Amino acid sequence: MTYRYCRLSTKYPLLGRETEFFAVVTINFYTFVALFIIQKNIQVFMNDSVVIIPTYNEKENIENIIRAVFYLPHGFDILIIDDGSPDGTAGIVKRLQTEFPERLHLVERSGKLGLGTAYIAGFRWALERSYEYIFEMDADFSHPPKDLLNLYAACHTGGADVSVGSRYVNNLVSVVNWPIGRILMSYFASIYVRIITGLKVKDTTAGFVCYTRRVLKRFELDKIRFKGYAFQIEMKFTAFKYGFKIKEVPIIFVNRELGVSKMSGGIFSEALFGVLRLKIDSWFRKYN
């Protein structure tokens, strides 16, 4: 950079005006540089992670789960996707936004449109911003908030492209307060999925997941078709077919204590028959 030295003189008024002009230009230039640096620093210090939490009638849990995530030592932002909860879940989130204005975000949708479409909407929202790590998480504390740190570490420093909070690693079934029938159904459903698809992931229906930005940018999100359990299988299967590294992180899954489960027989049916369709369709699709 060239610095110009000008001497002010009342004897040469024209020189004085030139000096004033160059001084203004110099000040404006440095102002621009300073603002540019400030903007870059703000971008650097913005949180690199966002946790997407779909909700429908979660007024008993929503405030507690939001506070639990924000109390973690790593800075996670939160995006709530609310499907028009009649119990006032969105209103609670709006109240908390005044306390966490830069970290808590809300997308309201009209009607119960399904888990899969909620996450797809959340993925698109996150990709429009600068987040590098994008998480799926339930609102009912079945996914321990502290394990967000382990999922983050698996991708941030552990070399994974996708990390999965898994109930079925190390030859253990880490589930609390589930009926034995539901445990067996979930466990053997994952075995069935692995046999059909060739996935190496043991907890194929897990909904506690971290995706790196590059994974979701690679996906054709318009082609993700399933809404329930099959959605979780399809996302992992698609990452597997693209050759991304998937790492399972052990968690202890605790059944919800408050609120009503959204599980239904139709969700399991979608998963059962959807896996076959997923595998057959993959024979005619190029992953590159």
Protein backbone atom coordinates (compact mmCIF):
# COMPACT_ATOMS: atom_id res chain seq x y z
CA MET A 1 0.00 0.00 0.00
CA THR A 2 1.31 3.49 -0.90
CA TYR A 3 1.15 6.23 1.72
CA ARG A 4 1.09 9.84 0.54
CA TYR A 5 2.40 12.62 2.72
CA CYS A 6 0.89 16.05 2.06
CA ARG A 7 1.75 19.24 3.89
CA LEU A 8 -1.10 21.60 4.60
CA SER A 9 -0.33 25.22 3.78
CA THR A 10 -2.42 28.35 3.87
CA LYS A 11 -0.06 29.69 1.20
CA TYR A 12 -1.30 27.06 -1.25
CA PRO A 13 -5.03 26.69 -0.69
CA LEU A 14 -5.34 24.29 -3.64
CA LEU A 15 -2.88 21.92 -2.01
CA GLY A 16 -4.99 22.08 1.10
CA ARG A 17 -8.08 20.95 -0.83
CA GLU A 18 -6.12 18.11 -2.45
CA THR A 19 -4.93 16.99 0.96
CA GLU A 20 -8.48 17.04 2.28
CA PHE A 21 -9.63 14.94 -0.70
CA PHE A 22 -6.92 12.32 -0.18
CA ALA A 23 -7.62 12.26 3.54
CA VAL A 24 -11.31 11.54 2.91
CA VAL A 25 -10.46 8.79 0.42
CA THR A 26 -8.00 7.23 2.87
CA ILE A 27 -10.49 7.33 5.75
CA ASN A 28 -13.22 5.80 3.60
CA PHE A 29 -10.86 3.06 2.41
CA TYR A 30 -9.83 2.11 5.94
CA THR A 31 -13.47 2.19 7.06
CA PHE A 32 -14.31 -0.28 4.31
CA VAL A 33 -11.41 -2.55 5.30
CA ALA A 34 -12.40 -2.41 8.97
CA LEU A 35 -16.01 -3.28 8.21
CA PHE A 36 -14.87 -6.15 5.96
CA ILE A 37 -12.66 -7.59 8.72
CA ILE A 38 -15.45 -7.24 11.30
CA GLN A 39 -17.87 -9.05 9.01
CA LYS A 40 -15.39 -11.89 8.45
CA ASN A 41 -14.74 -12.21 12.17
CA ILE A 42 -18.46 -12.38 12.84
CA GLN A 43 -18.73 -15.20 10.29
CA VAL A 44 -15.80 -17.01 11.89
CA PHE A 45 -17.34 -16.85 15.35
CA MET A 46 -20.84 -17.82 14.26
CA ASN A 47 -21.89 -21.24 15.50
CA ASP A 48 -21.03 -23.94 13.00
CA SER A 49 -23.79 -26.34 14.14
CA VAL A 50 -27.57 -26.35 14.07
CA VAL A 51 -29.89 -28.87 15.70
CA ILE A 52 -33.15 -29.44 13.84
CA ILE A 53 -36.03 -30.46 16.12
CA PRO A 54 -39.40 -31.26 14.50
CA THR A 55 -42.35 -30.74 16.84
CA TYR A 56 -46.01 -31.55 17.09
CA ASN A 57 -47.66 -31.03 20.48
CA GLU A 58 -44.45 -30.91 22.54
CA LYS A 59 -45.33 -28.15 25.01
CA GLU A 60 -44.25 -30.34 27.96
CA ASN A 61 -40.74 -30.80 26.56
CA ILE A 62 -39.85 -27.95 24.24
CA GLU A 63 -38.52 -25.37 26.69
CA ASN A 64 -36.48 -27.91 28.64
CA ILE A 65 -34.90 -29.44 25.54
CA ILE A 66 -34.00 -26.00 24.16
CA ARG A 67 -32.33 -24.96 27.41
CA ALA A 68 -30.52 -28.30 27.70
CA VAL A 69 -28.96 -27.83 24.25
CA PHE A 70 -28.01 -24.20 24.87
CA TYR A 71 -26.33 -25.08 28.18
CA LEU A 72 -23.84 -27.38 26.41
CA PRO A 73 -20.24 -26.09 26.18
CA HIS A 74 -20.30 -26.14 22.36
CA GLY A 75 -22.42 -23.52 20.61
CA PHE A 76 -25.32 -25.30 18.93
CA ASP A 77 -28.04 -23.23 17.29
CA ILE A 78 -31.55 -24.71 17.20
CA LEU A 79 -34.15 -24.77 14.44
CA ILE A 80 -37.65 -25.83 15.47
CA ILE A 81 -39.92 -27.09 12.67
CA ASP A 82 -43.42 -26.97 14.11
CA ASP A 83 -46.33 -28.56 12.25
CA GLY A 84 -49.06 -26.32 13.56
CA SER A 85 -49.14 -27.79 17.07
CA PRO A 86 -52.56 -27.00 18.60
CA ASP A 87 -51.08 -27.17 22.12
CA GLY A 88 -49.10 -23.93 21.67
CA THR A 89 -45.61 -25.37 21.18
CA ALA A 90 -44.71 -22.63 18.67
CA GLY A 91 -45.82 -19.93 21.13
CA ILE A 92 -43.37 -21.23 23.73
CA VAL A 93 -40.58 -21.15 21.15
CA LYS A 94 -41.44 -17.56 20.19
CA ARG A 95 -41.25 -16.52 23.83
CA LEU A 96 -37.82 -18.11 24.15
CA GLN A 97 -36.62 -16.40 20.98
CA THR A 98 -36.59 -13.12 22.91
CA GLU A 99 -34.09 -14.73 25.29
CA PHE A 100 -32.01 -16.40 22.55
CA PRO A 101 -32.58 -14.10 19.56
CA GLU A 102 -29.59 -15.17 17.46
CA ARG A 103 -29.58 -18.88 18.27
CA LEU A 104 -33.18 -20.07 18.34
CA HIS A 105 -35.07 -20.22 15.06
CA LEU A 106 -38.59 -21.31 14.16
CA VAL A 107 -40.29 -22.48 10.99
CA GLU A 108 -44.04 -22.91 11.30
CA ARG A 109 -45.92 -25.16 8.91
CA SER A 110 -49.65 -25.58 8.51
CA GLY A 111 -50.69 -29.08 9.50
CA LYS A 112 -48.97 -32.33 10.31
CA LEU A 113 -46.88 -32.92 7.19
CA GLY A 114 -44.60 -35.71 8.40
CA LEU A 115 -41.18 -36.16 9.96
CA GLY A 116 -39.32 -36.56 6.70
CA THR A 117 -40.66 -33.39 5.11
CA ALA A 118 -39.88 -31.48 8.32
CA TYR A 119 -36.25 -32.52 8.19
CA ILE A 120 -35.98 -31.80 4.47
CA ALA A 121 -37.30 -28.28 5.14
CA GLY A 122 -34.77 -27.95 7.95
CA PHE A 123 -31.91 -29.17 5.77
CA ARG A 124 -32.74 -26.62 3.10
CA TRP A 125 -32.92 -23.85 5.70
CA ALA A 126 -29.52 -24.83 7.14
CA LEU A 127 -27.85 -25.09 3.73
CA GLU A 128 -28.96 -21.55 2.92
CA ARG A 129 -26.83 -20.47 5.87
CA SER A 130 -23.22 -21.23 6.85
CA TYR A 131 -23.70 -24.28 9.10
CA GLU A 132 -21.18 -27.07 8.64
CA TYR A 133 -22.81 -29.63 10.97
CA ILE A 134 -26.54 -30.26 10.79
CA PHE A 135 -28.23 -32.46 13.40
CA GLU A 136 -31.49 -34.37 13.70
CA MET A 137 -32.89 -34.68 17.21
CA ASP A 138 -36.19 -35.46 18.94
CA ALA A 139 -37.83 -33.02 21.34
CA ASP A 140 -38.76 -35.58 24.00
CA PHE A 141 -35.30 -36.26 25.55
CA SER A 142 -35.13 -39.77 24.08
CA HIS A 143 -31.90 -38.45 22.52
CA PRO A 144 -29.64 -37.24 25.36
CA PRO A 145 -28.60 -33.65 24.57
CA LYS A 146 -25.08 -34.21 25.98
CA ASP A 147 -24.44 -36.76 23.23
CA LEU A 148 -24.63 -33.97 20.65
CA LEU A 149 -21.02 -33.32 21.68
CA ASN A 150 -19.99 -36.88 20.76
CA LEU A 151 -21.80 -36.77 17.44
CA TYR A 152 -20.12 -33.44 16.69
CA ALA A 153 -16.68 -34.78 17.60
CA ALA A 154 -17.15 -37.84 15.38
CA CYS A 155 -17.59 -35.56 12.36
CA HIS A 156 -15.48 -32.56 13.35
CA THR A 157 -12.33 -34.41 14.42
CA GLY A 158 -13.15 -38.10 13.95
CA GLY A 159 -13.25 -38.17 10.17
CA ALA A 160 -16.91 -39.14 9.79
CA ASP A 161 -19.21 -37.60 7.20
CA VAL A 162 -22.29 -38.81 9.07
CA SER A 163 -22.46 -39.75 12.75
CA VAL A 164 -25.36 -41.75 14.18
CA GLY A 165 -26.45 -41.93 17.81
CA SER A 166 -26.85 -45.69 17.99
CA ARG A 167 -28.77 -47.91 20.39
CA TYR A 168 -27.24 -51.12 19.05
CA VAL A 169 -23.44 -50.94 19.14
CA ASN A 170 -20.88 -53.04 21.03
CA ASN A 171 -23.35 -55.97 21.08
CA LEU A 172 -25.61 -54.04 23.46
CA VAL A 173 -29.20 -52.85 23.32
CA SER A 174 -29.10 -49.46 25.07
CA VAL A 175 -32.78 -48.64 25.51
CA VAL A 176 -34.59 -47.59 28.70
CA ASN A 177 -38.33 -47.88 29.41
CA TRP A 178 -39.34 -49.51 26.14
CA PRO A 179 -41.68 -52.53 26.15
CA ILE A 180 -39.83 -55.69 25.18
CA GLY A 181 -41.99 -56.05 22.07
CA ARG A 182 -40.96 -52.66 20.75
CA ILE A 183 -37.29 -53.36 21.47
CA LEU A 184 -37.43 -56.62 19.53
CA MET A 185 -39.32 -55.01 16.65
CA SER A 186 -36.79 -52.18 16.35
CA TYR A 187 -33.75 -54.43 16.73
CA PHE A 188 -34.84 -57.01 14.16
CA ALA A 189 -36.08 -54.29 11.82
CA SER A 190 -32.50 -52.98 11.70
CA ILE A 191 -31.20 -56.48 10.94
CA TYR A 192 -33.77 -56.78 8.13
CA VAL A 193 -32.69 -53.43 6.69
CA ARG A 194 -29.00 -54.42 6.77
CA ILE A 195 -29.73 -57.68 4.96
CA ILE A 196 -31.77 -56.02 2.21
CA THR A 197 -29.64 -52.91 1.67
CA GLY A 198 -26.13 -54.00 2.61
CA LEU A 199 -25.84 -51.11 5.09
CA LYS A 200 -23.21 -51.61 7.77
CA VAL A 201 -25.05 -49.34 10.22
CA LYS A 202 -26.53 -51.34 13.09
CA ASP A 203 -29.16 -48.79 14.12
CA THR A 204 -30.62 -48.05 10.71
CA THR A 205 -33.78 -46.34 12.00
CA ALA A 206 -31.97 -44.03 14.42
CA GLY A 207 -33.18 -40.43 14.38
CA PHE A 208 -30.27 -38.86 16.29
CA VAL A 209 -27.85 -37.97 13.51
CA CYS A 210 -25.22 -35.43 12.48
CA TYR A 211 -24.71 -34.71 8.78
CA THR A 212 -21.82 -32.65 7.50
CA ARG A 213 -22.69 -29.92 5.06
CA ARG A 214 -20.98 -31.66 2.14
CA VAL A 215 -23.21 -34.72 2.57
CA LEU A 216 -26.50 -32.83 2.36
CA LYS A 217 -25.24 -30.68 -0.51
CA ARG A 218 -24.47 -33.87 -2.42
CA PHE A 219 -27.95 -35.32 -1.85
CA GLU A 220 -30.81 -34.64 -4.24
CA LEU A 221 -33.21 -33.78 -1.44
CA ASP A 222 -36.18 -33.68 -3.83
CA LYS A 223 -35.72 -37.41 -4.36
CA ILE A 224 -35.98 -38.34 -0.66
CA ARG A 225 -39.51 -39.74 -0.61
CA PHE A 226 -40.25 -41.33 2.77
CA LYS A 227 -41.71 -39.61 5.83
CA GLY A 228 -41.41 -41.89 8.88
CA TYR A 229 -38.91 -44.55 9.92
CA ALA A 230 -38.18 -45.24 6.27
CA PHE A 231 -36.97 -41.65 5.92
CA GLN A 232 -34.17 -42.34 8.40
CA ILE A 233 -33.24 -45.52 6.54
CA GLU A 234 -33.30 -43.76 3.18
CA MET A 235 -31.00 -40.97 4.38
CA LYS A 236 -28.40 -43.42 5.70
CA PHE A 237 -28.69 -45.64 2.64
CA THR A 238 -28.19 -42.65 0.33
CA ALA A 239 -25.09 -41.54 2.25
CA PHE A 240 -23.80 -45.13 2.07
CA LYS A 241 -24.35 -45.32 -1.71
CA TYR A 242 -22.52 -42.03 -2.22
CA GLY A 243 -19.54 -43.48 -0.38
CA PHE A 244 -19.65 -41.23 2.68
CA LYS A 245 -18.16 -42.47 5.94
CA ILE A 246 -20.83 -43.26 8.55
CA LYS A 247 -19.81 -43.69 12.17
CA GLU A 248 -22.03 -44.95 14.98
CA VAL A 249 -21.73 -43.33 18.40
CA PRO A 250 -23.22 -45.24 21.36
CA ILE A 251 -26.07 -43.57 23.22
CA ILE A 252 -28.60 -44.64 25.82
CA PHE A 253 -32.06 -44.13 24.36
CA VAL A 254 -34.64 -43.21 26.99
CA ASN A 255 -38.34 -43.46 26.19
CA ARG A 256 -40.24 -40.19 26.56
CA GLU A 257 -41.65 -39.35 29.98
CA LEU A 258 -43.84 -36.40 28.94
CA GLY A 259 -46.16 -35.99 26.00
CA VAL A 260 -47.55 -38.55 23.58
CA SER A 261 -45.54 -40.74 21.22
CA LYS A 262 -46.09 -40.13 17.50
CA MET A 263 -45.32 -43.76 16.62
CA SER A 264 -47.90 -45.65 14.58
CA GLY A 265 -48.31 -48.91 12.73
CA GLY A 266 -48.25 -47.09 9.41
CA ILE A 267 -44.72 -45.89 10.11
CA PHE A 268 -43.49 -49.46 10.56
CA SER A 269 -45.32 -50.58 7.42
CA GLU A 270 -43.65 -47.82 5.43
CA ALA A 271 -40.28 -48.99 6.68
CA LEU A 272 -40.98 -52.67 5.99
CA PHE A 273 -42.06 -52.27 2.37
CA GLY A 274 -40.14 -49.06 1.69
CA VAL A 275 -36.80 -50.80 2.17
CA LEU A 276 -37.54 -53.20 -0.68
CA ARG A 277 -38.50 -50.31 -2.93
CA LEU A 278 -35.42 -48.40 -1.88
CA LYS A 279 -33.14 -51.28 -2.81
CA ILE A 280 -34.82 -51.94 -6.16
CA ASP A 281 -34.76 -48.25 -7.11
CA SER A 282 -31.05 -48.09 -6.30
CA TRP A 283 -30.35 -50.55 -9.12
CA PHE A 284 -31.50 -47.95 -11.65
CA ARG A 285 -30.00 -44.87 -10.04
CA LYS A 286 -26.48 -43.49 -10.41
CA TYR A 287 -24.71 -42.23 -7.29
CA ASN A 288 -21.85 -40.02 -8.39
